[in-house]
N, C-alpha and C. Protein backbone atom coordinates (compact mmCIF):
# COMPACT_ATOMS: atom_id res chain seq x y z
N MET A 1 -1.93 14.04 14.99
CA MET A 1 -2.57 13.03 14.18
C MET A 1 -3.94 13.56 13.74
N ALA A 2 -4.23 13.30 12.49
CA ALA A 2 -5.53 13.73 11.96
C ALA A 2 -6.66 12.99 12.68
N ARG A 3 -7.78 13.64 12.85
CA ARG A 3 -8.92 13.02 13.52
C ARG A 3 -9.99 12.55 12.55
N THR A 4 -9.77 12.76 11.29
CA THR A 4 -10.78 12.41 10.29
C THR A 4 -10.46 11.08 9.63
N TRP A 5 -11.48 10.50 9.07
CA TRP A 5 -11.33 9.29 8.28
C TRP A 5 -11.23 9.70 6.82
N LEU A 6 -10.49 8.94 6.04
CA LEU A 6 -10.35 9.20 4.61
C LEU A 6 -11.02 8.10 3.81
N SER A 7 -11.53 8.46 2.66
CA SER A 7 -12.04 7.50 1.71
C SER A 7 -10.96 7.34 0.64
N VAL A 8 -10.40 6.14 0.54
CA VAL A 8 -9.29 5.89 -0.38
C VAL A 8 -9.77 4.92 -1.46
N THR A 9 -9.66 5.34 -2.71
CA THR A 9 -10.03 4.48 -3.84
C THR A 9 -8.78 3.81 -4.38
N VAL A 10 -8.84 2.51 -4.55
CA VAL A 10 -7.72 1.73 -5.08
C VAL A 10 -8.21 1.03 -6.34
N GLU A 11 -7.45 1.18 -7.42
CA GLU A 11 -7.79 0.50 -8.68
C GLU A 11 -6.65 -0.44 -9.06
N LEU A 12 -7.00 -1.64 -9.42
CA LEU A 12 -6.03 -2.64 -9.85
C LEU A 12 -5.80 -2.47 -11.34
N LEU A 13 -4.60 -2.04 -11.72
CA LEU A 13 -4.31 -1.74 -13.12
C LEU A 13 -3.91 -2.98 -13.92
N GLY A 14 -3.39 -3.98 -13.23
CA GLY A 14 -2.97 -5.17 -13.94
C GLY A 14 -2.46 -6.21 -12.97
N GLY A 15 -2.14 -7.36 -13.52
CA GLY A 15 -1.59 -8.44 -12.73
C GLY A 15 -1.22 -9.61 -13.61
N ARG A 16 -0.26 -10.39 -13.15
CA ARG A 16 0.23 -11.55 -13.91
C ARG A 16 0.62 -11.19 -15.34
N GLY A 17 1.20 -10.00 -15.51
CA GLY A 17 1.65 -9.57 -16.82
C GLY A 17 0.57 -9.05 -17.74
N GLU A 18 -0.64 -8.90 -17.25
CA GLU A 18 -1.74 -8.42 -18.07
C GLU A 18 -2.25 -7.08 -17.58
N GLU A 19 -2.60 -6.20 -18.50
CA GLU A 19 -3.26 -4.95 -18.14
C GLU A 19 -4.76 -5.19 -18.12
N LEU A 20 -5.43 -4.60 -17.16
CA LEU A 20 -6.87 -4.81 -17.00
C LEU A 20 -7.65 -3.59 -17.45
N TRP A 21 -8.79 -3.81 -18.07
CA TRP A 21 -9.72 -2.74 -18.39
C TRP A 21 -11.11 -3.31 -18.45
N PRO A 22 -12.07 -2.76 -17.80
CA PRO A 22 -11.92 -1.63 -16.87
C PRO A 22 -11.18 -2.07 -15.61
N TRP A 23 -10.57 -1.11 -14.94
CA TRP A 23 -9.81 -1.40 -13.73
C TRP A 23 -10.76 -1.77 -12.60
N PRO A 24 -10.60 -2.97 -12.02
CA PRO A 24 -11.42 -3.29 -10.85
C PRO A 24 -10.97 -2.42 -9.68
N GLY A 25 -11.91 -1.92 -8.91
CA GLY A 25 -11.55 -1.02 -7.82
C GLY A 25 -12.29 -1.33 -6.53
N ARG A 26 -11.78 -0.78 -5.46
CA ARG A 26 -12.40 -0.88 -4.14
C ARG A 26 -12.23 0.48 -3.46
N VAL A 27 -13.15 0.79 -2.57
CA VAL A 27 -13.06 2.02 -1.77
C VAL A 27 -12.86 1.59 -0.31
N PHE A 28 -11.86 2.18 0.33
CA PHE A 28 -11.51 1.84 1.70
C PHE A 28 -11.73 3.03 2.61
N ALA A 29 -12.19 2.76 3.82
CA ALA A 29 -12.27 3.79 4.86
C ALA A 29 -11.01 3.64 5.71
N VAL A 30 -10.22 4.70 5.77
CA VAL A 30 -8.94 4.66 6.48
C VAL A 30 -9.01 5.65 7.64
N GLY A 31 -8.80 5.14 8.84
CA GLY A 31 -8.87 5.96 10.04
C GLY A 31 -7.50 6.46 10.47
N PRO A 32 -7.48 7.36 11.42
CA PRO A 32 -6.22 7.98 11.86
C PRO A 32 -5.24 7.00 12.51
N SER A 33 -5.72 5.89 13.03
CA SER A 33 -4.80 4.94 13.66
C SER A 33 -4.30 3.86 12.70
N HIS A 34 -4.81 3.83 11.46
CA HIS A 34 -4.35 2.84 10.49
C HIS A 34 -2.98 3.21 9.94
N THR A 35 -2.18 2.20 9.65
CA THR A 35 -0.87 2.40 9.03
C THR A 35 -0.98 2.04 7.55
N PHE A 36 0.06 2.40 6.79
CA PHE A 36 0.10 1.98 5.39
C PHE A 36 0.17 0.46 5.30
N LEU A 37 0.79 -0.17 6.25
CA LEU A 37 0.84 -1.63 6.26
C LEU A 37 -0.57 -2.21 6.45
N ASP A 38 -1.36 -1.59 7.33
CA ASP A 38 -2.76 -2.01 7.49
C ASP A 38 -3.50 -1.88 6.16
N LEU A 39 -3.29 -0.76 5.47
CA LEU A 39 -3.96 -0.54 4.18
C LEU A 39 -3.50 -1.57 3.15
N ALA A 40 -2.21 -1.88 3.12
CA ALA A 40 -1.71 -2.89 2.18
C ALA A 40 -2.37 -4.24 2.43
N HIS A 41 -2.49 -4.63 3.70
CA HIS A 41 -3.15 -5.90 4.03
C HIS A 41 -4.62 -5.87 3.62
N ALA A 42 -5.29 -4.76 3.85
CA ALA A 42 -6.71 -4.64 3.47
C ALA A 42 -6.88 -4.75 1.96
N ILE A 43 -5.99 -4.12 1.21
CA ILE A 43 -6.04 -4.18 -0.26
C ILE A 43 -5.84 -5.61 -0.72
N ASN A 44 -4.85 -6.30 -0.17
CA ASN A 44 -4.60 -7.69 -0.55
C ASN A 44 -5.81 -8.56 -0.25
N ASP A 45 -6.42 -8.34 0.91
CA ASP A 45 -7.62 -9.11 1.27
C ASP A 45 -8.78 -8.80 0.32
N ALA A 46 -9.00 -7.53 0.03
CA ALA A 46 -10.14 -7.12 -0.81
C ALA A 46 -10.04 -7.63 -2.24
N PHE A 47 -8.81 -7.74 -2.75
CA PHE A 47 -8.63 -8.24 -4.11
C PHE A 47 -8.31 -9.74 -4.12
N ALA A 48 -8.47 -10.40 -2.97
CA ALA A 48 -8.25 -11.85 -2.84
C ALA A 48 -6.88 -12.26 -3.35
N ARG A 49 -5.89 -11.48 -2.99
CA ARG A 49 -4.52 -11.79 -3.43
C ARG A 49 -3.93 -12.78 -2.45
N TRP A 50 -3.61 -13.95 -2.93
CA TRP A 50 -3.04 -14.97 -2.07
C TRP A 50 -1.52 -14.93 -2.08
N ASP A 51 -0.92 -14.39 -3.14
CA ASP A 51 0.53 -14.28 -3.21
C ASP A 51 0.93 -12.94 -2.61
N ARG A 52 1.38 -12.95 -1.38
CA ARG A 52 1.71 -11.72 -0.66
C ARG A 52 3.18 -11.35 -0.79
N SER A 53 3.90 -11.97 -1.73
CA SER A 53 5.33 -11.71 -1.86
C SER A 53 5.65 -10.48 -2.70
N HIS A 54 4.66 -9.87 -3.32
CA HIS A 54 4.90 -8.68 -4.14
C HIS A 54 5.07 -7.45 -3.26
N LEU A 55 5.67 -6.40 -3.80
CA LEU A 55 5.84 -5.18 -3.03
C LEU A 55 4.56 -4.37 -3.00
N SER A 56 4.43 -3.56 -1.98
CA SER A 56 3.32 -2.62 -1.88
C SER A 56 3.92 -1.22 -1.83
N MET A 57 3.44 -0.36 -2.71
CA MET A 57 3.95 1.00 -2.78
C MET A 57 2.77 1.94 -2.97
N PHE A 58 2.80 3.04 -2.24
CA PHE A 58 1.75 4.04 -2.33
C PHE A 58 2.37 5.33 -2.83
N THR A 59 1.72 5.99 -3.79
CA THR A 59 2.14 7.30 -4.27
C THR A 59 1.16 8.32 -3.73
N LEU A 60 1.66 9.27 -2.93
CA LEU A 60 0.82 10.30 -2.34
C LEU A 60 0.55 11.41 -3.35
N ALA A 61 -0.41 12.26 -3.05
CA ALA A 61 -0.80 13.33 -3.96
C ALA A 61 0.36 14.26 -4.31
N ASP A 62 1.32 14.42 -3.40
CA ASP A 62 2.47 15.29 -3.66
C ASP A 62 3.64 14.52 -4.29
N SER A 63 3.39 13.32 -4.79
CA SER A 63 4.35 12.45 -5.49
C SER A 63 5.33 11.73 -4.58
N ARG A 64 5.20 11.87 -3.26
CA ARG A 64 6.06 11.08 -2.37
C ARG A 64 5.63 9.63 -2.43
N LEU A 65 6.60 8.74 -2.24
CA LEU A 65 6.34 7.30 -2.23
C LEU A 65 6.41 6.78 -0.82
N VAL A 66 5.52 5.85 -0.50
CA VAL A 66 5.54 5.17 0.79
C VAL A 66 5.62 3.69 0.48
N THR A 67 6.61 3.02 1.06
CA THR A 67 6.79 1.60 0.81
C THR A 67 7.42 0.97 2.04
N ASP A 68 7.63 -0.34 2.01
CA ASP A 68 8.25 -1.02 3.13
C ASP A 68 9.75 -0.71 3.16
N THR A 69 10.38 -0.96 4.29
CA THR A 69 11.79 -0.60 4.48
C THR A 69 12.69 -1.30 3.47
N GLU A 70 12.49 -2.58 3.24
CA GLU A 70 13.35 -3.33 2.33
C GLU A 70 13.28 -2.76 0.91
N THR A 71 12.08 -2.53 0.41
CA THR A 71 11.92 -1.96 -0.93
C THR A 71 12.48 -0.55 -0.98
N GLY A 72 12.24 0.24 0.07
CA GLY A 72 12.79 1.59 0.13
C GLY A 72 14.30 1.60 0.06
N ASP A 73 14.94 0.68 0.79
CA ASP A 73 16.40 0.58 0.76
C ASP A 73 16.89 0.23 -0.64
N GLU A 74 16.18 -0.69 -1.32
CA GLU A 74 16.56 -1.05 -2.68
C GLU A 74 16.40 0.14 -3.63
N MET A 75 15.34 0.91 -3.45
CA MET A 75 15.07 2.03 -4.36
C MET A 75 16.03 3.19 -4.15
N THR A 76 16.53 3.38 -2.95
CA THR A 76 17.45 4.49 -2.72
C THR A 76 18.88 4.12 -3.10
N GLY A 77 19.06 2.88 -3.51
CA GLY A 77 20.37 2.44 -3.97
C GLY A 77 20.63 2.95 -5.38
N PRO A 78 21.17 2.14 -6.24
CA PRO A 78 21.56 2.57 -7.59
C PRO A 78 20.39 2.98 -8.49
N LEU A 79 19.16 2.59 -8.16
CA LEU A 79 18.03 2.96 -9.01
C LEU A 79 17.62 4.42 -8.82
N GLY A 80 18.04 5.04 -7.73
CA GLY A 80 17.84 6.47 -7.52
C GLY A 80 16.53 6.87 -6.91
N GLY A 81 16.44 8.15 -6.56
CA GLY A 81 15.22 8.74 -6.04
C GLY A 81 15.09 8.65 -4.54
N PRO A 82 14.80 9.78 -3.90
CA PRO A 82 14.65 9.75 -2.44
C PRO A 82 13.30 9.16 -2.03
N ILE A 83 13.33 8.42 -0.97
CA ILE A 83 12.11 7.91 -0.34
C ILE A 83 11.98 8.70 0.96
N THR A 84 10.88 9.41 1.11
CA THR A 84 10.77 10.29 2.26
C THR A 84 10.07 9.65 3.45
N ARG A 85 9.30 8.59 3.23
CA ARG A 85 8.62 7.91 4.34
C ARG A 85 8.64 6.42 4.09
N ARG A 86 8.76 5.68 5.16
CA ARG A 86 8.65 4.23 5.09
C ARG A 86 7.69 3.80 6.17
N TRP A 87 6.92 2.76 5.91
CA TRP A 87 6.00 2.32 6.93
C TRP A 87 6.68 1.36 7.89
N THR A 88 6.17 1.32 9.05
CA THR A 88 6.54 0.30 10.03
C THR A 88 5.27 -0.15 10.70
N SER A 89 5.22 -1.38 11.03
CA SER A 89 4.05 -1.90 11.72
C SER A 89 4.23 -1.64 13.20
N ARG A 90 3.36 -0.85 13.78
CA ARG A 90 3.47 -0.52 15.19
C ARG A 90 2.73 -1.50 16.06
N ARG A 91 1.86 -2.26 15.47
CA ARG A 91 1.12 -3.23 16.26
C ARG A 91 1.02 -4.51 15.46
N PRO A 92 1.16 -5.65 16.11
CA PRO A 92 1.09 -6.92 15.38
C PRO A 92 -0.32 -7.16 14.88
N ARG A 93 -0.39 -7.84 13.76
CA ARG A 93 -1.70 -8.25 13.22
C ARG A 93 -2.25 -9.35 14.07
N SER A 94 -3.49 -9.26 14.40
CA SER A 94 -4.13 -10.30 15.18
C SER A 94 -4.45 -11.48 14.28
N PRO A 95 -4.39 -12.69 14.82
CA PRO A 95 -4.69 -13.88 14.01
C PRO A 95 -6.10 -13.79 13.43
N GLY A 96 -6.22 -14.15 12.17
CA GLY A 96 -7.52 -14.17 11.52
C GLY A 96 -7.97 -12.84 10.97
N SER A 97 -7.11 -11.80 11.07
CA SER A 97 -7.52 -10.49 10.51
C SER A 97 -6.85 -10.22 9.20
């Protein structure tokens, strides 16, 4: 496991059928014990997203996709494309976080 923290910039490109410009963004500090699910929750909180029913997908620098198991299963079906990693929550979210 990496011992360093990463600075991750997230930009919101659009929502509710609208494209945004300039893109609102946030910078996150991500530690070695954080999961992609933790990052997805932090992004939703930072952008005050109350509708959590949308999918969360991350594209890594080498073009690999990281998403939840259900979305990954749907994507590897007839829509094509291999998914090389899927997130799992290893620890439950504490109430109020």
